Amino acid sequence: RTRSGMQNSQHRSAGRIVDLIHGVLGL
């Protein structure tokens, strides 16, 4: 459960990071 929670948290962070990069550099 801990690993699953960490993975879900990381995937949410990953999606946010991609969106933020697109915000700076363009999509």
PDB file of all heavy atoms in Angstrom:
ATOM      1  N   ARG A   1       0.826  -1.203   0.000  1.00  0.00           N
ATOM      2  CA  ARG A   1       0.000   0.000   0.000  1.00  0.00           C
ATOM      3  C   ARG A   1       0.860   1.252   0.000  1.00  0.00           C
ATOM      4  O   ARG A   1       0.541   2.243  -0.660  1.00  0.00           O
ATOM      5  CB  ARG A   1      -0.920  -0.019   1.217  1.00  0.00           C
ATOM      6  CG  ARG A   1      -2.045  -1.042   1.118  1.00  0.00           C
ATOM      7  CD  ARG A   1      -2.814  -1.127   2.412  1.00  0.00           C
ATOM      8  NE  ARG A   1      -3.957  -2.043   2.297  1.00  0.00           N
ATOM      9  CZ  ARG A   1      -4.690  -2.437   3.327  1.00  0.00           C
ATOM     10  NH1 ARG A   1      -4.396  -1.998   4.549  1.00  0.00           N
ATOM     11  NH2 ARG A   1      -5.709  -3.260   3.145  1.00  0.00           N
ATOM     12  N   THR A   2       1.958   1.205   0.766  1.00  0.00           N
ATOM     13  CA  THR A   2       2.862   2.355   0.811  1.00  0.00           C
ATOM     14  C   THR A   2       3.473   2.621  -0.550  1.00  0.00           C
ATOM     15  O   THR A   2       3.513   3.756  -1.029  1.00  0.00           O
ATOM     16  CB  THR A   2       3.978   2.119   1.847  1.00  0.00           C
ATOM     17  OG1 THR A   2       3.383   1.914   3.125  1.00  0.00           O
ATOM     18  CG2 THR A   2       4.922   3.307   1.918  1.00  0.00           C
ATOM     19  N   ARG A   3       3.956   1.544  -1.210  1.00  0.00           N
ATOM     20  CA  ARG A   3       4.534   1.699  -2.546  1.00  0.00           C
ATOM     21  C   ARG A   3       3.506   2.234  -3.520  1.00  0.00           C
ATOM     22  O   ARG A   3       3.792   3.102  -4.339  1.00  0.00           O
ATOM     23  CB  ARG A   3       5.100   0.358  -3.042  1.00  0.00           C
ATOM     24  CG  ARG A   3       6.396  -0.065  -2.359  1.00  0.00           C
ATOM     25  CD  ARG A   3       7.053  -1.188  -3.136  1.00  0.00           C
ATOM     26  NE  ARG A   3       6.203  -2.365  -3.225  1.00  0.00           N
ATOM     27  CZ  ARG A   3       6.192  -3.351  -2.335  1.00  0.00           C
ATOM     28  NH1 ARG A   3       6.976  -3.286  -1.273  1.00  0.00           N
ATOM     29  NH2 ARG A   3       5.405  -4.400  -2.484  1.00  0.00           N
ATOM     30  N   SER A   4       2.266   1.700  -3.428  1.00  0.00           N
ATOM     31  CA  SER A   4       1.208   2.163  -4.340  1.00  0.00           C
ATOM     32  C   SER A   4       0.917   3.634  -4.117  1.00  0.00           C
ATOM     33  O   SER A   4       0.763   4.405  -5.075  1.00  0.00           O
ATOM     34  CB  SER A   4      -0.058   1.336  -4.123  1.00  0.00           C
ATOM     35  OG  SER A   4      -1.105   1.792  -4.942  1.00  0.00           O
ATOM     36  N   GLY A   5       0.867   4.052  -2.836  1.00  0.00           N
ATOM     37  CA  GLY A   5       0.630   5.459  -2.541  1.00  0.00           C
ATOM     38  C   GLY A   5       1.734   6.348  -3.049  1.00  0.00           C
ATOM     39  O   GLY A   5       1.482   7.424  -3.606  1.00  0.00           O
ATOM     40  N   MET A   6       2.982   5.900  -2.885  1.00  0.00           N
ATOM     41  CA  MET A   6       4.120   6.672  -3.382  1.00  0.00           C
ATOM     42  C   MET A   6       4.079   6.774  -4.892  1.00  0.00           C
ATOM     43  O   MET A   6       4.343   7.843  -5.461  1.00  0.00           O
ATOM     44  CB  MET A   6       5.426   6.019  -2.924  1.00  0.00           C
ATOM     45  CG  MET A   6       5.687   6.131  -1.433  1.00  0.00           C
ATOM     46  SD  MET A   6       7.175   5.235  -0.940  1.00  0.00           S
ATOM     47  CE  MET A   6       8.420   6.113  -1.880  1.00  0.00           C
ATOM     48  N   GLN A   7       3.735   5.665  -5.570  1.00  0.00           N
ATOM     49  CA  GLN A   7       3.675   5.686  -7.028  1.00  0.00           C
ATOM     50  C   GLN A   7       2.583   6.639  -7.511  1.00  0.00           C
ATOM     51  O   GLN A   7       2.780   7.399  -8.459  1.00  0.00           O
ATOM     52  CB  GLN A   7       3.443   4.269  -7.553  1.00  0.00           C
ATOM     53  CG  GLN A   7       4.655   3.353  -7.390  1.00  0.00           C
ATOM     54  CD  GLN A   7       4.330   1.912  -7.721  1.00  0.00           C
ATOM     55  OE1 GLN A   7       3.179   1.544  -7.906  1.00  0.00           O
ATOM     56  NE2 GLN A   7       5.356   1.082  -7.799  1.00  0.00           N
ATOM     57  N   ASN A   8       1.404   6.593  -6.853  1.00  0.00           N
ATOM     58  CA  ASN A   8       0.325   7.494  -7.252  1.00  0.00           C
ATOM     59  C   ASN A   8       0.729   8.947  -7.036  1.00  0.00           C
ATOM     60  O   ASN A   8       0.448   9.816  -7.881  1.00  0.00           O
ATOM     61  CB  ASN A   8      -0.940   7.169  -6.458  1.00  0.00           C
ATOM     62  CG  ASN A   8      -1.572   5.854  -6.870  1.00  0.00           C
ATOM     63  OD1 ASN A   8      -1.354   5.397  -7.988  1.00  0.00           O
ATOM     64  ND2 ASN A   8      -2.332   5.245  -5.984  1.00  0.00           N
ATOM     65  N   SER A   9       1.382   9.217  -5.906  1.00  0.00           N
ATOM     66  CA  SER A   9       1.836  10.574  -5.627  1.00  0.00           C
ATOM     67  C   SER A   9       2.854  11.030  -6.663  1.00  0.00           C
ATOM     68  O   SER A   9       2.804  12.172  -7.139  1.00  0.00           O
ATOM     69  CB  SER A   9       2.445  10.644  -4.222  1.00  0.00           C
ATOM     70  OG  SER A   9       2.981  11.916  -3.970  1.00  0.00           O
ATOM     71  N   GLN A  10       3.779  10.139  -7.017  1.00  0.00           N
ATOM     72  CA  GLN A  10       4.790  10.491  -8.012  1.00  0.00           C
ATOM     73  C   GLN A  10       4.158  10.738  -9.373  1.00  0.00           C
ATOM     74  O   GLN A  10       4.579  11.644 -10.090  1.00  0.00           O
ATOM     75  CB  GLN A  10       5.846   9.393  -8.103  1.00  0.00           C
ATOM     76  CG  GLN A  10       6.840   9.411  -6.961  1.00  0.00           C
ATOM     77  CD  GLN A  10       8.109   8.650  -7.293  1.00  0.00           C
ATOM     78  OE1 GLN A  10       8.136   7.819  -8.192  1.00  0.00           O
ATOM     79  NE2 GLN A  10       9.162   8.930  -6.561  1.00  0.00           N
ATOM     80  N   HIS A  11       3.153   9.943  -9.741  1.00  0.00           N
ATOM     81  CA  HIS A  11       2.520  10.156 -11.037  1.00  0.00           C
ATOM     82  C   HIS A  11       1.757  11.472 -11.065  1.00  0.00           C
ATOM     83  O   HIS A  11       1.728  12.151 -12.089  1.00  0.00           O
ATOM     84  CB  HIS A  11       1.608   8.972 -11.382  1.00  0.00           C
ATOM     85  CG  HIS A  11       2.323   7.829 -12.022  1.00  0.00           C
ATOM     86  ND1 HIS A  11       3.065   6.924 -11.300  1.00  0.00           N
ATOM     87  CD2 HIS A  11       2.453   7.462 -13.319  1.00  0.00           C
ATOM     88  CE1 HIS A  11       3.600   6.036 -12.122  1.00  0.00           C
ATOM     89  NE2 HIS A  11       3.244   6.336 -13.353  1.00  0.00           N
ATOM     90  N   ARG A  12       1.132  11.834  -9.938  1.00  0.00           N
ATOM     91  CA  ARG A  12       0.482  13.146  -9.883  1.00  0.00           C
ATOM     92  C   ARG A  12       1.509  14.257 -10.021  1.00  0.00           C
ATOM     93  O   ARG A  12       1.292  15.237 -10.742  1.00  0.00           O
ATOM     94  CB  ARG A  12      -0.302  13.281  -8.578  1.00  0.00           C
ATOM     95  CG  ARG A  12      -1.595  12.470  -8.531  1.00  0.00           C
ATOM     96  CD  ARG A  12      -2.465  12.898  -7.369  1.00  0.00           C
ATOM     97  NE  ARG A  12      -1.836  12.605  -6.086  1.00  0.00           N
ATOM     98  CZ  ARG A  12      -1.978  11.469  -5.425  1.00  0.00           C
ATOM     99  NH1 ARG A  12      -2.720  10.499  -5.930  1.00  0.00           N
ATOM    100  NH2 ARG A  12      -1.391  11.295  -4.252  1.00  0.00           N
ATOM    101  N   SER A  13       2.639  14.104  -9.341  1.00  0.00           N
ATOM    102  CA  SER A  13       3.712  15.101  -9.455  1.00  0.00           C
ATOM    103  C   SER A  13       4.261  15.143 -10.861  1.00  0.00           C
ATOM    104  O   SER A  13       4.560  16.219 -11.389  1.00  0.00           O
ATOM    105  CB  SER A  13       4.832  14.781  -8.462  1.00  0.00           C
ATOM    106  OG  SER A  13       4.400  14.896  -7.124  1.00  0.00           O
ATOM    107  N   ALA A  14       4.386  13.969 -11.502  1.00  0.00           N
ATOM    108  CA  ALA A  14       4.907  13.917 -12.867  1.00  0.00           C
ATOM    109  C   ALA A  14       4.002  14.671 -13.821  1.00  0.00           C
ATOM    110  O   ALA A  14       4.467  15.435 -14.678  1.00  0.00           O
ATOM    111  CB  ALA A  14       5.063  12.467 -13.314  1.00  0.00           C
ATOM    112  N   GLY A  15       2.688  14.474 -13.693  1.00  0.00           N
ATOM    113  CA  GLY A  15       1.762  15.200 -14.545  1.00  0.00           C
ATOM    114  C   GLY A  15       1.839  16.694 -14.329  1.00  0.00           C
ATOM    115  O   GLY A  15       1.793  17.481 -15.289  1.00  0.00           O
ATOM    116  N   ARG A  16       1.985  17.098 -13.073  1.00  0.00           N
ATOM    117  CA  ARG A  16       2.098  18.527 -12.779  1.00  0.00           C
ATOM    118  C   ARG A  16       3.380  19.097 -13.371  1.00  0.00           C
ATOM    119  O   ARG A  16       3.387  20.204 -13.927  1.00  0.00           O
ATOM    120  CB  ARG A  16       2.075  18.734 -11.267  1.00  0.00           C
ATOM    121  CG  ARG A  16       2.094  20.205 -10.848  1.00  0.00           C
ATOM    122  CD  ARG A  16       2.096  20.328  -9.346  1.00  0.00           C
ATOM    123  NE  ARG A  16       2.161  21.726  -8.925  1.00  0.00           N
ATOM    124  CZ  ARG A  16       2.422  22.116  -7.688  1.00  0.00           C
ATOM    125  NH1 ARG A  16       2.622  21.217  -6.739  1.00  0.00           N
ATOM    126  NH2 ARG A  16       2.472  23.397  -7.391  1.00  0.00           N
ATOM    127  N   ILE A  17       4.469  18.330 -13.260  1.00  0.00           N
ATOM    128  CA  ILE A  17       5.748  18.796 -13.805  1.00  0.00           C
ATOM    129  C   ILE A  17       5.664  18.998 -15.310  1.00  0.00           C
ATOM    130  O   ILE A  17       6.122  20.007 -15.850  1.00  0.00           O
ATOM    131  CB  ILE A  17       6.871  17.798 -13.443  1.00  0.00           C
ATOM    132  CG1 ILE A  17       7.216  17.920 -11.959  1.00  0.00           C
ATOM    133  CG2 ILE A  17       8.115  18.038 -14.305  1.00  0.00           C
ATOM    134  CD1 ILE A  17       8.148  16.830 -11.462  1.00  0.00           C
ATOM    135  N   VAL A  18       5.072  18.039 -16.016  1.00  0.00           N
ATOM    136  CA  VAL A  18       4.939  18.157 -17.474  1.00  0.00           C
ATOM    137  C   VAL A  18       4.117  19.393 -17.829  1.00  0.00           C
ATOM    138  O   VAL A  18       4.485  20.163 -18.734  1.00  0.00           O
ATOM    139  CB  VAL A  18       4.311  16.884 -18.060  1.00  0.00           C
ATOM    140  CG1 VAL A  18       3.951  17.088 -19.532  1.00  0.00           C
ATOM    141  CG2 VAL A  18       5.264  15.700 -17.918  1.00  0.00           C
ATOM    142  N   ASP A  19       3.019  19.617 -17.126  1.00  0.00           N
ATOM    143  CA  ASP A  19       2.188  20.795 -17.405  1.00  0.00           C
ATOM    144  C   ASP A  19       2.967  22.089 -17.157  1.00  0.00           C
ATOM    145  O   ASP A  19       2.857  23.054 -17.934  1.00  0.00           O
ATOM    146  CB  ASP A  19       0.931  20.768 -16.547  1.00  0.00           C
ATOM    147  CG  ASP A  19      -0.053  19.693 -16.976  1.00  0.00           C
ATOM    148  OD1 ASP A  19       0.069  19.209 -18.120  1.00  0.00           O
ATOM    149  OD2 ASP A  19      -0.925  19.327 -16.164  1.00  0.00           O
ATOM    150  N   LEU A  20       3.746  22.132 -16.078  1.00  0.00           N
ATOM    151  CA  LEU A  20       4.514  23.329 -15.759  1.00  0.00           C
ATOM    152  C   LEU A  20       5.601  23.592 -16.799  1.00  0.00           C
ATOM    153  O   LEU A  20       5.854  24.744 -17.176  1.00  0.00           O
ATOM    154  CB  LEU A  20       5.129  23.203 -14.362  1.00  0.00           C
ATOM    155  CG  LEU A  20       4.161  23.324 -13.185  1.00  0.00           C
ATOM    156  CD1 LEU A  20       4.831  22.893 -11.881  1.00  0.00           C
ATOM    157  CD2 LEU A  20       3.629  24.753 -13.066  1.00  0.00           C
ATOM    158  N   ILE A  21       6.242  22.539 -17.257  1.00  0.00           N
ATOM    159  CA  ILE A  21       7.267  22.704 -18.302  1.00  0.00           C
ATOM    160  C   ILE A  21       6.631  23.250 -19.575  1.00  0.00           C
ATOM    161  O   ILE A  21       7.173  24.158 -20.223  1.00  0.00           O
ATOM    162  CB  ILE A  21       7.997  21.377 -18.570  1.00  0.00           C
ATOM    163  CG1 ILE A  21       8.830  20.970 -17.347  1.00  0.00           C
ATOM    164  CG2 ILE A  21       8.908  21.502 -19.796  1.00  0.00           C
ATOM    165  CD1 ILE A  21       9.445  19.596 -17.459  1.00  0.00           C
ATOM    166  N   HIS A  22       5.480  22.701 -19.936  1.00  0.00           N
ATOM    167  CA  HIS A  22       4.778  23.232 -21.111  1.00  0.00           C
ATOM    168  C   HIS A  22       4.410  24.692 -20.901  1.00  0.00           C
ATOM    169  O   HIS A  22       4.446  25.492 -21.854  1.00  0.00           O
ATOM    170  CB  HIS A  22       3.513  22.415 -21.384  1.00  0.00           C
ATOM    171  CG  HIS A  22       3.770  21.071 -21.975  1.00  0.00           C
ATOM    172  ND1 HIS A  22       4.686  20.848 -22.974  1.00  0.00           N
ATOM    173  CD2 HIS A  22       3.216  19.851 -21.703  1.00  0.00           C
ATOM    174  CE1 HIS A  22       4.686  19.558 -23.304  1.00  0.00           C
ATOM    175  NE2 HIS A  22       3.812  18.932 -22.544  1.00  0.00           N
ATOM    176  N   GLY A  23       4.072  25.070 -19.681  1.00  0.00           N
ATOM    177  CA  GLY A  23       3.740  26.455 -19.408  1.00  0.00           C
ATOM    178  C   GLY A  23       4.899  27.392 -19.662  1.00  0.00           C
ATOM    179  O   GLY A  23       4.727  28.519 -20.143  1.00  0.00           O
ATOM    180  N   VAL A  24       6.121  26.943 -19.360  1.00  0.00           N
ATOM    181  CA  VAL A  24       7.313  27.771 -19.554  1.00  0.00           C
ATOM    182  C   VAL A  24       7.802  27.715 -21.000  1.00  0.00           C
ATOM    183  O   VAL A  24       8.121  28.751 -21.609  1.00  0.00           O
ATOM    184  CB  VAL A  24       8.442  27.332 -18.605  1.00  0.00           C
ATOM    185  CG1 VAL A  24       9.726  28.130 -18.871  1.00  0.00           C
ATOM    186  CG2 VAL A  24       8.017  27.508 -17.149  1.00  0.00           C
ATOM    187  N   LEU A  25       7.862  26.517 -21.568  1.00  0.00           N
ATOM    188  CA  LEU A  25       8.504  26.323 -22.872  1.00  0.00           C
ATOM    189  C   LEU A  25       7.518  26.224 -24.033  1.00  0.00           C
ATOM    190  O   LEU A  25       7.930  26.264 -25.191  1.00  0.00           O
ATOM    191  CB  LEU A  25       9.381  25.064 -22.839  1.00  0.00           C
ATOM    192  CG  LEU A  25      10.488  25.051 -21.786  1.00  0.00           C
ATOM    193  CD1 LEU A  25      11.273  23.746 -21.873  1.00  0.00           C
ATOM    194  CD2 LEU A  25      11.420  26.247 -21.955  1.00  0.00           C
ATOM    195  N   GLY A  26       6.242  26.070 -23.724  1.00  0.00           N
ATOM    196  CA  GLY A  26       5.253  25.936 -24.783  1.00  0.00           C
ATOM    197  C   GLY A  26       4.928  24.474 -25.052  1.00  0.00           C
ATOM    198  O   GLY A  26       5.732  23.578 -24.786  1.00  0.00           O
ATOM    199  N   LEU A  27       3.731  24.252 -25.564  1.00  0.00           N
ATOM    200  CA  LEU A  27       3.276  22.911 -25.903  1.00  0.00           C
ATOM    201  C   LEU A  27       3.333  22.729 -27.412  1.00  0.00           C
ATOM    202  O   LEU A  27       2.760  23.516 -28.163  1.00  0.00           O
ATOM    203  CB  LEU A  27       1.842  22.697 -25.407  1.00  0.00           C
ATOM    204  CG  LEU A  27       1.152  21.398 -25.826  1.00  0.00           C
ATOM    205  CD1 LEU A  27       1.909  20.191 -25.278  1.00  0.00           C
ATOM    206  CD2 LEU A  27      -0.299  21.391 -25.352  1.00  0.00           C
TER     207      LEU A  27
END
